[in-house]
Amino acid sequence: MPGDAVRAGAAASLLLAVVGLDPVAVALFLLVLGGTMVPRALGVATPLDVAYGGTLVVATWAAQLDWYQAVPWLDLAVHAACTGLIAALAGVLLVRTRVVPDPRAARTGRARAGVLVATTGTGAVLAILWEIGEWAGHTFLDDRIGVGYADTVTDLAAGLLGSLVAGVVLALAGTRARVRA
């Protein structure tokens, strides 16, 4: 399965980090490997599984290879994409656990609005937590982690935009991703 190939890539990345990178990189790749297991556990559709896991792996390698310094706009693109994909997974989970109604089963637009608001709001909270993590990483682990007012505000805006896009997609397309057998 393609998602399992991404998980294998995350595992290989972790091994490479253990062998050749610093402890912060090892911790990041360990977090990414764990994160790539979430879509498998939820049994989401392959495109979401691959996009989510692949984006996490690429984003982490981008940090290790200093791509964010070489390509200044990449940080915002990654914040939008990663936060949006994480929000999409959260939106699927919220529907499956019936925290919000499935928009395809409801008779009114309220269910779609609920998915939109819940997905966007969850993504916004996750973007805040990400920025707190960046600040903590910069403060306590590695001062090469970029923080600052402009960086934080634009990262939050990008994360919010990605979450909004995820919310719109889920609300319009429905959220019952095919469950793998």
C-alpha atoms as a PDB file:
ATOM      1  CA  MET A   1       0.000   0.000   0.000  1.00  0.00           C
ATOM      2  CA  PRO A   2       1.322   3.490  -0.788  1.00  0.00           C
ATOM      3  CA  GLY A   3       0.737   4.744   2.747  1.00  0.00           C
ATOM      4  CA  ASP A   4       2.839   1.910   4.112  1.00  0.00           C
ATOM      5  CA  ALA A   5       5.631   2.910   1.730  1.00  0.00           C
ATOM      6  CA  VAL A   6       5.509   6.403   3.255  1.00  0.00           C
ATOM      7  CA  ARG A   7       5.650   4.874   6.737  1.00  0.00           C
ATOM      8  CA  ALA A   8       8.676   2.828   5.641  1.00  0.00           C
ATOM      9  CA  GLY A   9      10.276   6.058   4.425  1.00  0.00           C
ATOM     10  CA  ALA A  10       9.594   7.637   7.806  1.00  0.00           C
ATOM     11  CA  ALA A  11      11.189   4.642   9.543  1.00  0.00           C
ATOM     12  CA  ALA A  12      14.220   4.823   7.233  1.00  0.00           C
ATOM     13  CA  SER A  13      14.472   8.551   7.937  1.00  0.00           C
ATOM     14  CA  LEU A  14      14.496   7.830  11.660  1.00  0.00           C
ATOM     15  CA  LEU A  15      17.308   5.308  11.208  1.00  0.00           C
ATOM     16  CA  LEU A  16      19.306   7.816   9.167  1.00  0.00           C
ATOM     17  CA  ALA A  17      18.755  10.420  11.883  1.00  0.00           C
ATOM     18  CA  VAL A  18      19.933   8.011  14.591  1.00  0.00           C
ATOM     19  CA  VAL A  19      23.093   7.256  12.624  1.00  0.00           C
ATOM     20  CA  GLY A  20      23.993  10.680  11.281  1.00  0.00           C
ATOM     21  CA  LEU A  21      22.034  13.514  12.866  1.00  0.00           C
ATOM     22  CA  ASP A  22      21.643  15.147  16.263  1.00  0.00           C
ATOM     23  CA  PRO A  23      19.220  14.148  19.052  1.00  0.00           C
ATOM     24  CA  VAL A  24      16.722  16.873  18.095  1.00  0.00           C
ATOM     25  CA  ALA A  25      16.482  15.419  14.574  1.00  0.00           C
ATOM     26  CA  VAL A  26      16.031  11.945  16.035  1.00  0.00           C
ATOM     27  CA  ALA A  27      13.178  13.209  18.204  1.00  0.00           C
ATOM     28  CA  LEU A  28      11.544  14.943  15.220  1.00  0.00           C
ATOM     29  CA  PHE A  29      11.746  11.855  13.021  1.00  0.00           C
ATOM     30  CA  LEU A  30      10.413   9.713  15.864  1.00  0.00           C
ATOM     31  CA  LEU A  31       7.462  12.101  16.143  1.00  0.00           C
ATOM     32  CA  VAL A  32       6.952  11.947  12.364  1.00  0.00           C
ATOM     33  CA  LEU A  33       7.042   8.148  12.371  1.00  0.00           C
ATOM     34  CA  GLY A  34       4.382   8.101  15.068  1.00  0.00           C
ATOM     35  CA  GLY A  35       2.356  10.660  13.153  1.00  0.00           C
ATOM     36  CA  THR A  36       2.405   8.581   9.990  1.00  0.00           C
ATOM     37  CA  MET A  37       0.695   5.771  11.904  1.00  0.00           C
ATOM     38  CA  VAL A  38      -2.408   7.884  12.560  1.00  0.00           C
ATOM     39  CA  PRO A  39      -3.955   7.569   9.073  1.00  0.00           C
ATOM     40  CA  ARG A  40      -3.347   3.813   9.170  1.00  0.00           C
ATOM     41  CA  ALA A  41      -5.112   3.574  12.520  1.00  0.00           C
ATOM     42  CA  LEU A  42      -8.026   5.637  11.188  1.00  0.00           C
ATOM     43  CA  GLY A  43      -8.130   3.692   7.908  1.00  0.00           C
ATOM     44  CA  VAL A  44      -8.462   6.830   5.816  1.00  0.00           C
ATOM     45  CA  ALA A  45      -8.403   6.883   2.037  1.00  0.00           C
ATOM     46  CA  THR A  46      -5.016   6.400   0.397  1.00  0.00           C
ATOM     47  CA  PRO A  47      -4.685   9.941  -1.023  1.00  0.00           C
ATOM     48  CA  LEU A  48      -5.095  11.529   2.421  1.00  0.00           C
ATOM     49  CA  ASP A  49      -2.812   8.919   4.002  1.00  0.00           C
ATOM     50  CA  VAL A  50      -0.020   9.494   1.456  1.00  0.00           C
ATOM     51  CA  ALA A  51      -0.362  13.283   1.349  1.00  0.00           C
ATOM     52  CA  TYR A  52      -0.324  13.563   5.120  1.00  0.00           C
ATOM     53  CA  GLY A  53       2.581  11.199   5.760  1.00  0.00           C
ATOM     54  CA  GLY A  54       4.609  12.361   2.787  1.00  0.00           C
ATOM     55  CA  THR A  55       4.222  15.986   3.776  1.00  0.00           C
ATOM     56  CA  LEU A  56       5.376  15.264   7.331  1.00  0.00           C
ATOM     57  CA  VAL A  57       8.468  13.424   6.086  1.00  0.00           C
ATOM     58  CA  VAL A  58       9.369  16.105   3.529  1.00  0.00           C
ATOM     59  CA  ALA A  59       8.784  18.908   6.050  1.00  0.00           C
ATOM     60  CA  THR A  60      11.130  17.293   8.538  1.00  0.00           C
ATOM     61  CA  TRP A  61      13.849  16.667   5.965  1.00  0.00           C
ATOM     62  CA  ALA A  62      13.462  20.277   4.814  1.00  0.00           C
ATOM     63  CA  ALA A  63      14.356  21.391   8.333  1.00  0.00           C
ATOM     64  CA  GLN A  64      17.356  19.060   8.479  1.00  0.00           C
ATOM     65  CA  LEU A  65      18.667  20.117   5.068  1.00  0.00           C
ATOM     66  CA  ASP A  66      18.169  23.862   5.690  1.00  0.00           C
ATOM     67  CA  TRP A  67      15.673  24.183   2.843  1.00  0.00           C
ATOM     68  CA  TYR A  68      13.687  26.739   4.860  1.00  0.00           C
ATOM     69  CA  GLN A  69      16.670  29.100   4.758  1.00  0.00           C
ATOM     70  CA  ALA A  70      17.319  28.427   1.074  1.00  0.00           C
ATOM     71  CA  VAL A  71      13.670  28.833   0.008  1.00  0.00           C
ATOM     72  CA  PRO A  72      12.054  31.429   2.305  1.00  0.00           C
ATOM     73  CA  TRP A  73       8.436  30.830   1.230  1.00  0.00           C
ATOM     74  CA  LEU A  74       8.699  27.082   1.873  1.00  0.00           C
ATOM     75  CA  ASP A  75       8.066  27.486   5.608  1.00  0.00           C
ATOM     76  CA  LEU A  76       4.641  29.017   4.977  1.00  0.00           C
ATOM     77  CA  ALA A  77       3.730  26.405   2.391  1.00  0.00           C
ATOM     78  CA  VAL A  78       4.669  23.633   4.807  1.00  0.00           C
ATOM     79  CA  HIS A  79       2.718  25.218   7.656  1.00  0.00           C
ATOM     80  CA  ALA A  80      -0.361  25.503   5.429  1.00  0.00           C
ATOM     81  CA  ALA A  81      -0.059  21.981   4.010  1.00  0.00           C
ATOM     82  CA  CYS A  82       0.847  20.162   7.223  1.00  0.00           C
ATOM     83  CA  THR A  83      -1.686  21.951   9.391  1.00  0.00           C
ATOM     84  CA  GLY A  84      -4.393  21.494   6.761  1.00  0.00           C
ATOM     85  CA  LEU A  85      -3.704  17.779   6.442  1.00  0.00           C
ATOM     86  CA  ILE A  86      -3.557  17.305  10.211  1.00  0.00           C
ATOM     87  CA  ALA A  87      -6.833  19.231  10.491  1.00  0.00           C
ATOM     88  CA  ALA A  88      -8.350  16.991   7.803  1.00  0.00           C
ATOM     89  CA  LEU A  89      -7.448  13.890   9.820  1.00  0.00           C
ATOM     90  CA  ALA A  90      -8.895  15.527  12.918  1.00  0.00           C
ATOM     91  CA  GLY A  91     -12.078  16.375  10.985  1.00  0.00           C
ATOM     92  CA  VAL A  92     -12.449  12.766   9.851  1.00  0.00           C
ATOM     93  CA  LEU A  93     -11.963  11.616  13.434  1.00  0.00           C
ATOM     94  CA  LEU A  94     -14.540  14.117  14.727  1.00  0.00           C
ATOM     95  CA  VAL A  95     -17.120  12.813  12.257  1.00  0.00           C
ATOM     96  CA  ARG A  96     -16.338   9.156  12.890  1.00  0.00           C
ATOM     97  CA  THR A  97     -16.633   9.607  16.646  1.00  0.00           C
ATOM     98  CA  ARG A  98     -19.862  11.560  16.081  1.00  0.00           C
ATOM     99  CA  VAL A  99     -18.573  14.686  17.774  1.00  0.00           C
ATOM    100  CA  VAL A 100     -19.883  16.453  14.670  1.00  0.00           C
ATOM    101  CA  PRO A 101     -22.521  14.991  12.355  1.00  0.00           C
ATOM    102  CA  ASP A 102     -21.574  13.410   9.057  1.00  0.00           C
ATOM    103  CA  PRO A 103     -22.415  16.054   6.464  1.00  0.00           C
ATOM    104  CA  ARG A 104     -23.571  13.427   3.973  1.00  0.00           C
ATOM    105  CA  ALA A 105     -26.122  11.958   6.387  1.00  0.00           C
ATOM    106  CA  ALA A 106     -27.648  15.235   7.537  1.00  0.00           C
ATOM    107  CA  ARG A 107     -30.577  16.914   5.861  1.00  0.00           C
ATOM    108  CA  THR A 108     -29.421  20.484   6.433  1.00  0.00           C
ATOM    109  CA  GLY A 109     -26.329  22.542   5.831  1.00  0.00           C
ATOM    110  CA  ARG A 110     -25.679  22.665   9.572  1.00  0.00           C
ATOM    111  CA  ALA A 111     -23.712  19.423   9.475  1.00  0.00           C
ATOM    112  CA  ARG A 112     -21.487  20.787   6.719  1.00  0.00           C
ATOM    113  CA  ALA A 113     -21.017  24.002   8.671  1.00  0.00           C
ATOM    114  CA  GLY A 114     -20.196  21.958  11.772  1.00  0.00           C
ATOM    115  CA  VAL A 115     -17.500  20.016   9.944  1.00  0.00           C
ATOM    116  CA  LEU A 116     -16.107  23.247   8.483  1.00  0.00           C
ATOM    117  CA  VAL A 117     -15.981  25.032  11.843  1.00  0.00           C
ATOM    118  CA  ALA A 118     -14.723  22.025  13.820  1.00  0.00           C
ATOM    119  CA  THR A 119     -11.987  21.195  11.297  1.00  0.00           C
ATOM    120  CA  THR A 120     -10.851  24.803  10.945  1.00  0.00           C
ATOM    121  CA  GLY A 121     -10.943  25.396  14.698  1.00  0.00           C
ATOM    122  CA  THR A 122      -9.075  22.198  15.482  1.00  0.00           C
ATOM    123  CA  GLY A 123      -6.449  23.099  12.897  1.00  0.00           C
ATOM    124  CA  ALA A 124      -6.107  26.588  14.378  1.00  0.00           C
ATOM    125  CA  VAL A 125      -5.497  25.130  17.847  1.00  0.00           C
ATOM    126  CA  LEU A 126      -2.962  22.698  16.394  1.00  0.00           C
ATOM    127  CA  ALA A 127      -1.189  25.594  14.634  1.00  0.00           C
ATOM    128  CA  ILE A 128      -0.925  27.359  17.996  1.00  0.00           C
ATOM    129  CA  LEU A 129       0.488  24.226  19.619  1.00  0.00           C
ATOM    130  CA  TRP A 130       2.984  23.895  16.755  1.00  0.00           C
ATOM    131  CA  GLU A 131       4.186  27.449  17.346  1.00  0.00           C
ATOM    132  CA  ILE A 132       4.492  26.816  21.077  1.00  0.00           C
ATOM    133  CA  GLY A 133       6.543  23.747  20.185  1.00  0.00           C
ATOM    134  CA  GLU A 134       8.783  25.818  17.915  1.00  0.00           C
ATOM    135  CA  TRP A 135       9.286  28.376  20.673  1.00  0.00           C
ATOM    136  CA  ALA A 136      10.072  25.653  23.235  1.00  0.00           C
ATOM    137  CA  GLY A 137      12.436  23.967  20.803  1.00  0.00           C
ATOM    138  CA  HIS A 138      14.214  27.254  20.117  1.00  0.00           C
ATOM    139  CA  THR A 139      14.375  28.167  23.805  1.00  0.00           C
ATOM    140  CA  PHE A 140      15.358  24.833  25.313  1.00  0.00           C
ATOM    141  CA  LEU A 141      16.853  22.661  22.565  1.00  0.00           C
ATOM    142  CA  ASP A 142      18.260  24.383  19.501  1.00  0.00           C
ATOM    143  CA  ASP A 143      18.434  28.092  18.793  1.00  0.00           C
ATOM    144  CA  ARG A 144      18.541  27.363  15.043  1.00  0.00           C
ATOM    145  CA  ILE A 145      14.778  26.766  15.187  1.00  0.00           C
ATOM    146  CA  GLY A 146      13.347  29.949  13.716  1.00  0.00           C
ATOM    147  CA  VAL A 147      11.018  31.971  15.896  1.00  0.00           C
ATOM    148  CA  GLY A 148      10.066  35.613  16.146  1.00  0.00           C
ATOM    149  CA  TYR A 149       6.959  37.709  15.874  1.00  0.00           C
ATOM    150  CA  ALA A 150       6.723  37.839  12.078  1.00  0.00           C
ATOM    151  CA  ASP A 151       7.550  34.133  11.731  1.00  0.00           C
ATOM    152  CA  THR A 152       4.977  33.117  14.333  1.00  0.00           C
ATOM    153  CA  VAL A 153       2.169  35.293  12.980  1.00  0.00           C
ATOM    154  CA  THR A 154       2.695  34.239   9.364  1.00  0.00           C
ATOM    155  CA  ASP A 155       3.008  30.567  10.371  1.00  0.00           C
ATOM    156  CA  LEU A 156      -0.278  30.849  12.282  1.00  0.00           C
ATOM    157  CA  ALA A 157      -1.954  32.531   9.314  1.00  0.00           C
ATOM    158  CA  ALA A 158      -0.703  29.806   6.967  1.00  0.00           C
ATOM    159  CA  GLY A 159      -1.872  27.086   9.355  1.00  0.00           C
ATOM    160  CA  LEU A 160      -5.278  28.712   9.660  1.00  0.00           C
ATOM    161  CA  LEU A 161      -5.585  28.955   5.878  1.00  0.00           C
ATOM    162  CA  GLY A 162      -4.619  25.291   5.459  1.00  0.00           C
ATOM    163  CA  SER A 163      -7.156  24.303   8.106  1.00  0.00           C
ATOM    164  CA  LEU A 164      -9.874  26.359   6.440  1.00  0.00           C
ATOM    165  CA  VAL A 165      -9.177  24.684   3.096  1.00  0.00           C
ATOM    166  CA  ALA A 166      -9.325  21.270   4.797  1.00  0.00           C
ATOM    167  CA  GLY A 167     -12.613  22.201   6.447  1.00  0.00           C
ATOM    168  CA  VAL A 168     -14.134  23.324   3.163  1.00  0.00           C
ATOM    169  CA  VAL A 169     -12.989  20.170   1.367  1.00  0.00           C
ATOM    170  CA  LEU A 170     -14.368  17.906   4.089  1.00  0.00           C
ATOM    171  CA  ALA A 171     -17.630  19.799   4.331  1.00  0.00           C
ATOM    172  CA  LEU A 172     -18.207  19.695   0.576  1.00  0.00           C
ATOM    173  CA  ALA A 173     -16.896  16.213  -0.162  1.00  0.00           C
ATOM    174  CA  GLY A 174     -18.093  14.386   2.925  1.00  0.00           C
ATOM    175  CA  THR A 175     -15.791  12.851   5.462  1.00  0.00           C
ATOM    176  CA  ARG A 176     -16.397   9.133   5.400  1.00  0.00           C
ATOM    177  CA  ALA A 177     -13.148   8.072   3.846  1.00  0.00           C
ATOM    178  CA  ARG A 178     -13.046   4.497   2.642  1.00  0.00           C
ATOM    179  CA  VAL A 179     -11.920   2.166   5.374  1.00  0.00           C
ATOM    180  CA  ARG A 180      -9.320  -0.365   4.274  1.00  0.00           C
ATOM    181  CA  ALA A 181     -10.130  -4.001   4.810  1.00  0.00           C
END
